[in-house]
Amino acid sequence: MSYELRIACQAERYLRRLDRPAQDRIVRRLAQIAENPRGPYTKPLTNAAGSRTSRVGGWRISFAIDDDARVVDGSQSGPRGEIYRDI
């Protein structure tokens, strides 16, 4: 019951700038999100209907789920203080 994962260009660029261990941790979390986007490692955002977030150390991944198309759109990734400003 896997979902297709789409990552926004901004999130992908941010991921490329991180060191290798951080990249590996975030990529593993993205794989978990694609497998089960409503798993215990995610939570809904209160100010953005339909959006969820996942914590990976000091970083956050923000995403939306489209159940009809079975797609997870990863819109943002970054430090906790920055990611919630744009929502």
PDB file of N, CA and C in Angstrom:
ATOM      1  N   MET A   1       0.831  -1.195   0.000  1.00  0.00           N
ATOM      2  CA  MET A   1       0.000   0.000   0.000  1.00  0.00           C
ATOM      3  C   MET A   1       0.868   1.248   0.000  1.00  0.00           C
ATOM      4  N   SER A   2       1.810   1.314  -0.900  1.00  0.00           N
ATOM      5  CA  SER A   2       2.762   2.404  -0.960  1.00  0.00           C
ATOM      6  C   SER A   2       2.218   3.577  -1.776  1.00  0.00           C
ATOM      7  N   TYR A   3       2.666   4.761  -1.427  1.00  0.00           N
ATOM      8  CA  TYR A   3       2.299   5.981  -2.136  1.00  0.00           C
ATOM      9  C   TYR A   3       3.475   6.443  -2.987  1.00  0.00           C
ATOM     10  N   GLU A   4       3.180   7.176  -4.049  1.00  0.00           N
ATOM     11  CA  GLU A   4       4.235   7.809  -4.836  1.00  0.00           C
ATOM     12  C   GLU A   4       4.674   9.061  -4.085  1.00  0.00           C
ATOM     13  N   LEU A   5       5.956   9.309  -4.034  1.00  0.00           N
ATOM     14  CA  LEU A   5       6.499  10.446  -3.302  1.00  0.00           C
ATOM     15  C   LEU A   5       7.019  11.484  -4.282  1.00  0.00           C
ATOM     16  N   ARG A   6       6.521  12.702  -4.170  1.00  0.00           N
ATOM     17  CA  ARG A   6       6.992  13.820  -4.995  1.00  0.00           C
ATOM     18  C   ARG A   6       7.603  14.856  -4.069  1.00  0.00           C
ATOM     19  N   ILE A   7       8.797  15.308  -4.391  1.00  0.00           N
ATOM     20  CA  ILE A   7       9.513  16.280  -3.574  1.00  0.00           C
ATOM     21  C   ILE A   7       9.616  17.592  -4.345  1.00  0.00           C
ATOM     22  N   ALA A   8       9.290  18.692  -3.686  1.00  0.00           N
ATOM     23  CA  ALA A   8       9.396  20.012  -4.299  1.00  0.00           C
ATOM     24  C   ALA A   8      10.864  20.351  -4.555  1.00  0.00           C
ATOM     25  N   CYS A   9      11.113  21.169  -5.541  1.00  0.00           N
ATOM     26  CA  CYS A   9      12.484  21.549  -5.906  1.00  0.00           C
ATOM     27  C   CYS A   9      13.209  22.196  -4.730  1.00  0.00           C
ATOM     28  N   GLN A  10      12.524  23.047  -3.984  1.00  0.00           N
ATOM     29  CA  GLN A  10      13.132  23.717  -2.830  1.00  0.00           C
ATOM     30  C   GLN A  10      13.585  22.706  -1.804  1.00  0.00           C
ATOM     31  N   ALA A  11      12.748  21.724  -1.524  1.00  0.00           N
ATOM     32  CA  ALA A  11      13.083  20.696  -0.536  1.00  0.00           C
ATOM     33  C   ALA A  11      14.250  19.842  -1.025  1.00  0.00           C
ATOM     34  N   GLU A  12      14.280  19.542  -2.290  1.00  0.00           N
ATOM     35  CA  GLU A  12      15.370  18.736  -2.855  1.00  0.00           C
ATOM     36  C   GLU A  12      16.697  19.488  -2.800  1.00  0.00           C
ATOM     37  N   ARG A  13      16.666  20.785  -3.099  1.00  0.00           N
ATOM     38  CA  ARG A  13      17.879  21.593  -3.030  1.00  0.00           C
ATOM     39  C   ARG A  13      18.403  21.659  -1.594  1.00  0.00           C
ATOM     40  N   TYR A  14      17.493  21.822  -0.653  1.00  0.00           N
ATOM     41  CA  TYR A  14      17.906  21.875   0.742  1.00  0.00           C
ATOM     42  C   TYR A  14      18.536  20.553   1.171  1.00  0.00           C
ATOM     43  N   LEU A  15      17.953  19.469   0.751  1.00  0.00           N
ATOM     44  CA  LEU A  15      18.462  18.141   1.095  1.00  0.00           C
ATOM     45  C   LEU A  15      19.877  17.922   0.551  1.00  0.00           C
ATOM     46  N   ARG A  16      20.147  18.405  -0.642  1.00  0.00           N
ATOM     47  CA  ARG A  16      21.472  18.240  -1.252  1.00  0.00           C
ATOM     48  C   ARG A  16      22.565  18.978  -0.487  1.00  0.00           C
ATOM     49  N   ARG A  17      22.213  20.063   0.205  1.00  0.00           N
ATOM     50  CA  ARG A  17      23.211  20.856   0.925  1.00  0.00           C
ATOM     51  C   ARG A  17      23.591  20.256   2.279  1.00  0.00           C
ATOM     52  N   LEU A  18      22.825  19.295   2.760  1.00  0.00           N
ATOM     53  CA  LEU A  18      23.107  18.694   4.061  1.00  0.00           C
ATOM     54  C   LEU A  18      24.265  17.712   3.981  1.00  0.00           C
ATOM     55  N   ASP A  19      24.832  17.404   5.134  1.00  0.00           N
ATOM     56  CA  ASP A  19      25.893  16.401   5.164  1.00  0.00           C
ATOM     57  C   ASP A  19      25.300  15.008   4.927  1.00  0.00           C
ATOM     58  N   ARG A  20      26.138  14.055   4.583  1.00  0.00           N
ATOM     59  CA  ARG A  20      25.690  12.713   4.181  1.00  0.00           C
ATOM     60  C   ARG A  20      24.866  11.996   5.265  1.00  0.00           C
ATOM     61  N   PRO A  21      25.263  12.007   6.550  1.00  0.00           N
ATOM     62  CA  PRO A  21      24.436  11.312   7.548  1.00  0.00           C
ATOM     63  C   PRO A  21      23.029  11.903   7.676  1.00  0.00           C
ATOM     64  N   ALA A  22      22.923  13.222   7.606  1.00  0.00           N
ATOM     65  CA  ALA A  22      21.607  13.861   7.680  1.00  0.00           C
ATOM     66  C   ALA A  22      20.779  13.514   6.441  1.00  0.00           C
ATOM     67  N   GLN A  23      21.405  13.518   5.280  1.00  0.00           N
ATOM     68  CA  GLN A  23      20.703  13.138   4.059  1.00  0.00           C
ATOM     69  C   GLN A  23      20.151  11.720   4.169  1.00  0.00           C
ATOM     70  N   ASP A  24      20.972  10.807   4.666  1.00  0.00           N
ATOM     71  CA  ASP A  24      20.543   9.414   4.791  1.00  0.00           C
ATOM     72  C   ASP A  24      19.357   9.278   5.733  1.00  0.00           C
ATOM     73  N   ARG A  25      19.386   9.995   6.857  1.00  0.00           N
ATOM     74  CA  ARG A  25      18.272   9.936   7.807  1.00  0.00           C
ATOM     75  C   ARG A  25      16.986  10.475   7.194  1.00  0.00           C
ATOM     76  N   ILE A  26      17.083  11.574   6.464  1.00  0.00           N
ATOM     77  CA  ILE A  26      15.891  12.164   5.857  1.00  0.00           C
ATOM     78  C   ILE A  26      15.366  11.280   4.738  1.00  0.00           C
ATOM     79  N   VAL A  27      16.242  10.697   3.945  1.00  0.00           N
ATOM     80  CA  VAL A  27      15.805   9.805   2.860  1.00  0.00           C
ATOM     81  C   VAL A  27      15.109   8.571   3.439  1.00  0.00           C
ATOM     82  N   ARG A  28      15.633   8.032   4.539  1.00  0.00           N
ATOM     83  CA  ARG A  28      14.950   6.899   5.194  1.00  0.00           C
ATOM     84  C   ARG A  28      13.568   7.296   5.686  1.00  0.00           C
ATOM     85  N   ARG A  29      13.449   8.514   6.241  1.00  0.00           N
ATOM     86  CA  ARG A  29      12.139   8.967   6.714  1.00  0.00           C
ATOM     87  C   ARG A  29      11.180   9.183   5.543  1.00  0.00           C
ATOM     88  N   LEU A  30      11.681   9.705   4.430  1.00  0.00           N
ATOM     89  CA  LEU A  30      10.839   9.874   3.252  1.00  0.00           C
ATOM     90  C   LEU A  30      10.330   8.525   2.749  1.00  0.00           C
ATOM     91  N   ALA A  31      11.153   7.500   2.821  1.00  0.00           N
ATOM     92  CA  ALA A  31      10.723   6.155   2.429  1.00  0.00           C
ATOM     93  C   ALA A  31       9.632   5.655   3.368  1.00  0.00           C
ATOM     94  N   GLN A  32       9.764   5.931   4.660  1.00  0.00           N
ATOM     95  CA  GLN A  32       8.720   5.554   5.622  1.00  0.00           C
ATOM     96  C   GLN A  32       7.423   6.292   5.330  1.00  0.00           C
ATOM     97  N   ILE A  33       7.528   7.570   5.008  1.00  0.00           N
ATOM     98  CA  ILE A  33       6.339   8.370   4.704  1.00  0.00           C
ATOM     99  C   ILE A  33       5.652   7.831   3.453  1.00  0.00           C
ATOM    100  N   ALA A  34       6.428   7.453   2.442  1.00  0.00           N
ATOM    101  CA  ALA A  34       5.839   6.900   1.225  1.00  0.00           C
ATOM    102  C   ALA A  34       5.119   5.588   1.517  1.00  0.00           C
ATOM    103  N   GLU A  35       5.633   4.810   2.450  1.00  0.00           N
ATOM    104  CA  GLU A  35       5.020   3.536   2.805  1.00  0.00           C
ATOM    105  C   GLU A  35       3.740   3.729   3.621  1.00  0.00           C
ATOM    106  N   ASN A  36       3.771   4.656   4.595  1.00  0.00           N
ATOM    107  CA  ASN A  36       2.612   4.903   5.455  1.00  0.00           C
ATOM    108  C   ASN A  36       2.612   6.372   5.864  1.00  0.00           C
ATOM    109  N   PRO A  37       1.965   7.255   5.086  1.00  0.00           N
ATOM    110  CA  PRO A  37       2.034   8.690   5.357  1.00  0.00           C
ATOM    111  C   PRO A  37       1.344   9.133   6.652  1.00  0.00           C
ATOM    112  N   ARG A  38       0.543   8.296   7.232  1.00  0.00           N
ATOM    113  CA  ARG A  38      -0.121   8.644   8.491  1.00  0.00           C
ATOM    114  C   ARG A  38       0.426   7.823   9.658  1.00  0.00           C
ATOM    115  N   GLY A  39       1.669   7.414   9.541  1.00  0.00           N
ATOM    116  CA  GLY A  39       2.306   6.577  10.551  1.00  0.00           C
ATOM    117  C   GLY A  39       2.564   7.323  11.849  1.00  0.00           C
ATOM    118  N   PRO A  40       3.107   6.619  12.842  1.00  0.00           N
ATOM    119  CA  PRO A  40       3.338   7.220  14.157  1.00  0.00           C
ATOM    120  C   PRO A  40       4.431   8.287  14.167  1.00  0.00           C
ATOM    121  N   TYR A  41       5.205   8.407  13.113  1.00  0.00           N
ATOM    122  CA  TYR A  41       6.287   9.379  13.022  1.00  0.00           C
ATOM    123  C   TYR A  41       5.846  10.658  12.317  1.00  0.00           C
ATOM    124  N   THR A  42       4.542  10.808  12.050  1.00  0.00           N
ATOM    125  CA  THR A  42       4.012  12.031  11.451  1.00  0.00           C
ATOM    126  C   THR A  42       2.896  12.573  12.331  1.00  0.00           C
ATOM    127  N   LYS A  43       2.601  13.860  12.135  1.00  0.00           N
ATOM    128  CA  LYS A  43       1.476  14.458  12.847  1.00  0.00           C
ATOM    129  C   LYS A  43       0.826  15.511  11.955  1.00  0.00           C
ATOM    130  N   PRO A  44      -0.478  15.729  12.126  1.00  0.00           N
ATOM    131  CA  PRO A  44      -1.150  16.754  11.325  1.00  0.00           C
ATOM    132  C   PRO A  44      -0.768  18.153  11.790  1.00  0.00           C
ATOM    133  N   LEU A  45      -0.745  19.086  10.860  1.00  0.00           N
ATOM    134  CA  LEU A  45      -0.499  20.486  11.190  1.00  0.00           C
ATOM    135  C   LEU A  45      -1.835  21.151  11.507  1.00  0.00           C
ATOM    136  N   THR A  46      -1.889  21.920  12.564  1.00  0.00           N
ATOM    137  CA  THR A  46      -3.155  22.520  12.972  1.00  0.00           C
ATOM    138  C   THR A  46      -3.546  23.707  12.116  1.00  0.00           C
ATOM    139  N   ASN A  47      -2.587  24.486  11.624  1.00  0.00           N
ATOM    140  CA  ASN A  47      -2.907  25.690  10.855  1.00  0.00           C
ATOM    141  C   ASN A  47      -3.017  25.465   9.361  1.00  0.00           C
ATOM    142  N   ALA A  48      -2.704  24.278   8.903  1.00  0.00           N
ATOM    143  CA  ALA A  48      -2.735  23.981   7.472  1.00  0.00           C
ATOM    144  C   ALA A  48      -3.524  22.686   7.266  1.00  0.00           C
ATOM    145  N   ALA A  49      -4.766  22.828   6.908  1.00  0.00           N
ATOM    146  CA  ALA A  49      -5.632  21.658   6.736  1.00  0.00           C
ATOM    147  C   ALA A  49      -5.086  20.737   5.653  1.00  0.00           C
ATOM    148  N   GLY A  50      -5.038  19.463   5.968  1.00  0.00           N
ATOM    149  CA  GLY A  50      -4.582  18.478   5.000  1.00  0.00           C
ATOM    150  C   GLY A  50      -3.082  18.282   4.958  1.00  0.00           C
ATOM    151  N   SER A  51      -2.333  19.080   5.683  1.00  0.00           N
ATOM    152  CA  SER A  51      -0.875  18.950   5.692  1.00  0.00           C
ATOM    153  C   SER A  51      -0.416  18.208   6.936  1.00  0.00           C
ATOM    154  N   ARG A  52       0.691  17.529   6.809  1.00  0.00           N
ATOM    155  CA  ARG A  52       1.295  16.796   7.920  1.00  0.00           C
ATOM    156  C   ARG A  52       2.768  17.135   7.983  1.00  0.00           C
ATOM    157  N   THR A  53       3.398  16.799   9.085  1.00  0.00           N
ATOM    158  CA  THR A  53       4.817  17.045   9.260  1.00  0.00           C
ATOM    159  C   THR A  53       5.465  15.842   9.926  1.00  0.00           C
ATOM    160  N   SER A  54       6.757  15.703   9.696  1.00  0.00           N
ATOM    161  CA  SER A  54       7.523  14.631  10.302  1.00  0.00           C
ATOM    162  C   SER A  54       8.838  15.208  10.801  1.00  0.00           C
ATOM    163  N   ARG A  55       9.251  14.779  11.964  1.00  0.00           N
ATOM    164  CA  ARG A  55      10.479  15.270  12.580  1.00  0.00           C
ATOM    165  C   ARG A  55      11.617  14.283  12.333  1.00  0.00           C
ATOM    166  N   VAL A  56      12.768  14.823  11.920  1.00  0.00           N
ATOM    167  CA  VAL A  56      13.979  14.030  11.743  1.00  0.00           C
ATOM    168  C   VAL A  56      15.094  14.815  12.426  1.00  0.00           C
ATOM    169  N   GLY A  57      15.362  14.525  13.688  1.00  0.00           N
ATOM    170  CA  GLY A  57      16.334  15.308  14.448  1.00  0.00           C
ATOM    171  C   GLY A  57      15.864  16.740  14.555  1.00  0.00           C
ATOM    172  N   GLY A  58      16.692  17.688  14.143  1.00  0.00           N
ATOM    173  CA  GLY A  58      16.331  19.099  14.169  1.00  0.00           C
ATOM    174  C   GLY A  58      15.619  19.564  12.918  1.00  0.00           C
ATOM    175  N   TRP A  59      15.413  18.683  11.969  1.00  0.00           N
ATOM    176  CA  TRP A  59      14.770  19.028  10.707  1.00  0.00           C
ATOM    177  C   TRP A  59      13.313  18.602  10.699  1.00  0.00           C
ATOM    178  N   ARG A  60      12.535  19.256   9.853  1.00  0.00           N
ATOM    179  CA  ARG A  60      11.129  18.907   9.677  1.00  0.00           C
ATOM    180  C   ARG A  60      10.857  18.726   8.195  1.00  0.00           C
ATOM    181  N   ILE A  61       9.935  17.818   7.905  1.00  0.00           N
ATOM    182  CA  ILE A  61       9.474  17.584   6.539  1.00  0.00           C
ATOM    183  C   ILE A  61       7.984  17.861   6.536  1.00  0.00           C
ATOM    184  N   SER A  62       7.539  18.751   5.682  1.00  0.00           N
ATOM    185  CA  SER A  62       6.121  19.084   5.558  1.00  0.00           C
ATOM    186  C   SER A  62       5.602  18.464   4.266  1.00  0.00           C
ATOM    187  N   PHE A  63       4.419  17.840   4.344  1.00  0.00           N
ATOM    188  CA  PHE A  63       3.883  17.177   3.153  1.00  0.00           C
ATOM    189  C   PHE A  63       2.366  17.114   3.200  1.00  0.00           C
ATOM    190  N   ALA A  64       1.773  16.890   2.033  1.00  0.00           N
ATOM    191  CA  ALA A  64       0.325  16.719   1.883  1.00  0.00           C
ATOM    192  C   ALA A  64       0.074  15.359   1.239  1.00  0.00           C
ATOM    193  N   ILE A  65      -1.076  14.769   1.571  1.00  0.00           N
ATOM    194  CA  ILE A  65      -1.418  13.433   1.082  1.00  0.00           C
ATOM    195  C   ILE A  65      -2.621  13.536   0.156  1.00  0.00           C
ATOM    196  N   ASP A  66      -2.518  12.917  -1.012  1.00  0.00           N
ATOM    197  CA  ASP A  66      -3.641  12.801  -1.942  1.00  0.00           C
ATOM    198  C   ASP A  66      -3.986  11.316  -2.027  1.00  0.00           C
ATOM    199  N   ASP A  67      -5.027  10.908  -1.287  1.00  0.00           N
ATOM    200  CA  ASP A  67      -5.394   9.490  -1.230  1.00  0.00           C
ATOM    201  C   ASP A  67      -5.948   8.971  -2.554  1.00  0.00           C
ATOM    202  N   ASP A  68      -6.662   9.813  -3.293  1.00  0.00           N
ATOM    203  CA  ASP A  68      -7.240   9.360  -4.565  1.00  0.00           C
ATOM    204  C   ASP A  68      -6.157   8.985  -5.576  1.00  0.00           C
ATOM    205  N   ALA A  69      -5.134   9.817  -5.686  1.00  0.00           N
ATOM    206  CA  ALA A  69      -4.044   9.552  -6.630  1.00  0.00           C
ATOM    207  C   ALA A  69      -2.916   8.746  -5.993  1.00  0.00           C
ATOM    208  N   ARG A  70      -2.994   8.519  -4.680  1.00  0.00           N
ATOM    209  CA  ARG A  70      -1.970   7.800  -3.912  1.00  0.00           C
ATOM    210  C   ARG A  70      -0.605   8.466  -4.078  1.00  0.00           C
ATOM    211  N   VAL A  71      -0.599   9.788  -3.800  1.00  0.00           N
ATOM    212  CA  VAL A  71       0.602  10.600  -3.942  1.00  0.00           C
ATOM    213  C   VAL A  71       0.846  11.363  -2.639  1.00  0.00           C
ATOM    214  N   VAL A  72       2.099  11.445  -2.247  1.00  0.00           N
ATOM    215  CA  VAL A  72       2.527  12.286  -1.126  1.00  0.00           C
ATOM    216  C   VAL A  72       3.389  13.388  -1.717  1.00  0.00           C
ATOM    217  N   ASP A  73       2.988  14.647  -1.513  1.00  0.00           N
ATOM    218  CA  ASP A  73       3.731  15.793  -2.023  1.00  0.00           C
ATOM    219  C   ASP A  73       4.555  16.399  -0.898  1.00  0.00           C
ATOM    220  N   GLY A  74       5.853  16.203  -0.930  1.00  0.00           N
ATOM    221  CA  GLY A  74       6.757  16.805   0.050  1.00  0.00           C
ATOM    222  C   GLY A  74       7.017  18.238  -0.340  1.00  0.00           C
ATOM    223  N   SER A  75       6.418  19.167   0.377  1.00  0.00           N
ATOM    224  CA  SER A  75       6.490  20.564  -0.027  1.00  0.00           C
ATOM    225  C   SER A  75       7.705  21.287   0.525  1.00  0.00           C
ATOM    226  N   GLN A  76       8.089  20.987   1.784  1.00  0.00           N
ATOM    227  CA  GLN A  76       9.201  21.703   2.385  1.00  0.00           C
ATOM    228  C   GLN A  76      10.010  20.785   3.276  1.00  0.00           C
ATOM    229  N   SER A  77      11.273  21.119   3.420  1.00  0.00           N
ATOM    230  CA  SER A  77      12.115  20.485   4.425  1.00  0.00           C
ATOM    231  C   SER A  77      13.084  21.541   4.911  1.00  0.00           C
ATOM    232  N   GLY A  78      13.431  21.458   6.185  1.00  0.00           N
ATOM    233  CA  GLY A  78      14.353  22.435   6.748  1.00  0.00           C
ATOM    234  C   GLY A  78      14.342  22.399   8.249  1.00  0.00           C
ATOM    235  N   PRO A  79      15.092  23.313   8.865  1.00  0.00           N
ATOM    236  CA  PRO A  79      15.103  23.389  10.323  1.00  0.00           C
ATOM    237  C   PRO A  79      13.719  23.770  10.853  1.00  0.00           C
ATOM    238  N   ARG A  80      13.440  23.343  12.058  1.00  0.00           N
ATOM    239  CA  ARG A  80      12.128  23.556  12.664  1.00  0.00           C
ATOM    240  C   ARG A  80      11.718  25.030  12.641  1.00  0.00           C
ATOM    241  N   GLY A  81      12.613  25.936  12.976  1.00  0.00           N
ATOM    242  CA  GLY A  81      12.274  27.353  13.039  1.00  0.00           C
ATOM    243  C   GLY A  81      11.903  27.953  11.691  1.00  0.00           C
ATOM    244  N   GLU A  82      12.455  27.432  10.629  1.00  0.00           N
ATOM    245  CA  GLU A  82      12.193  28.000   9.302  1.00  0.00           C
ATOM    246  C   GLU A  82      10.960  27.407   8.633  1.00  0.00           C
ATOM    247  N   ILE A  83      10.717  26.146   8.809  1.00  0.00           N
ATOM    248  CA  ILE A  83       9.676  25.483   8.044  1.00  0.00           C
ATOM    249  C   ILE A  83       8.275  25.951   8.437  1.00  0.00           C
ATOM    250  N   TYR A  84       8.068  26.273   9.685  1.00  0.00           N
ATOM    251  CA  TYR A  84       6.737  26.673  10.131  1.00  0.00           C
ATOM    252  C   TYR A  84       6.411  28.124   9.834  1.00  0.00           C
ATOM    253  N   ARG A  85       7.392  28.929   9.447  1.00  0.00           N
ATOM    254  CA  ARG A  85       7.129  30.329   9.100  1.00  0.00           C
ATOM    255  C   ARG A  85       6.297  30.482   7.838  1.00  0.00           C
ATOM    256  N   ASP A  86       6.525  29.597   6.875  1.00  0.00           N
ATOM    257  CA  ASP A  86       5.883  29.725   5.565  1.00  0.00           C
ATOM    258  C   ASP A  86       4.516  29.071   5.490  1.00  0.00           C
ATOM    259  N   ILE A  87       4.107  28.399   6.549  1.00  0.00           N
ATOM    260  CA  ILE A  87       2.828  27.682   6.510  1.00  0.00           C
ATOM    261  C   ILE A  87       1.710  28.568   6.947  1.00  0.00           C
TER     262      ILE A  87
END
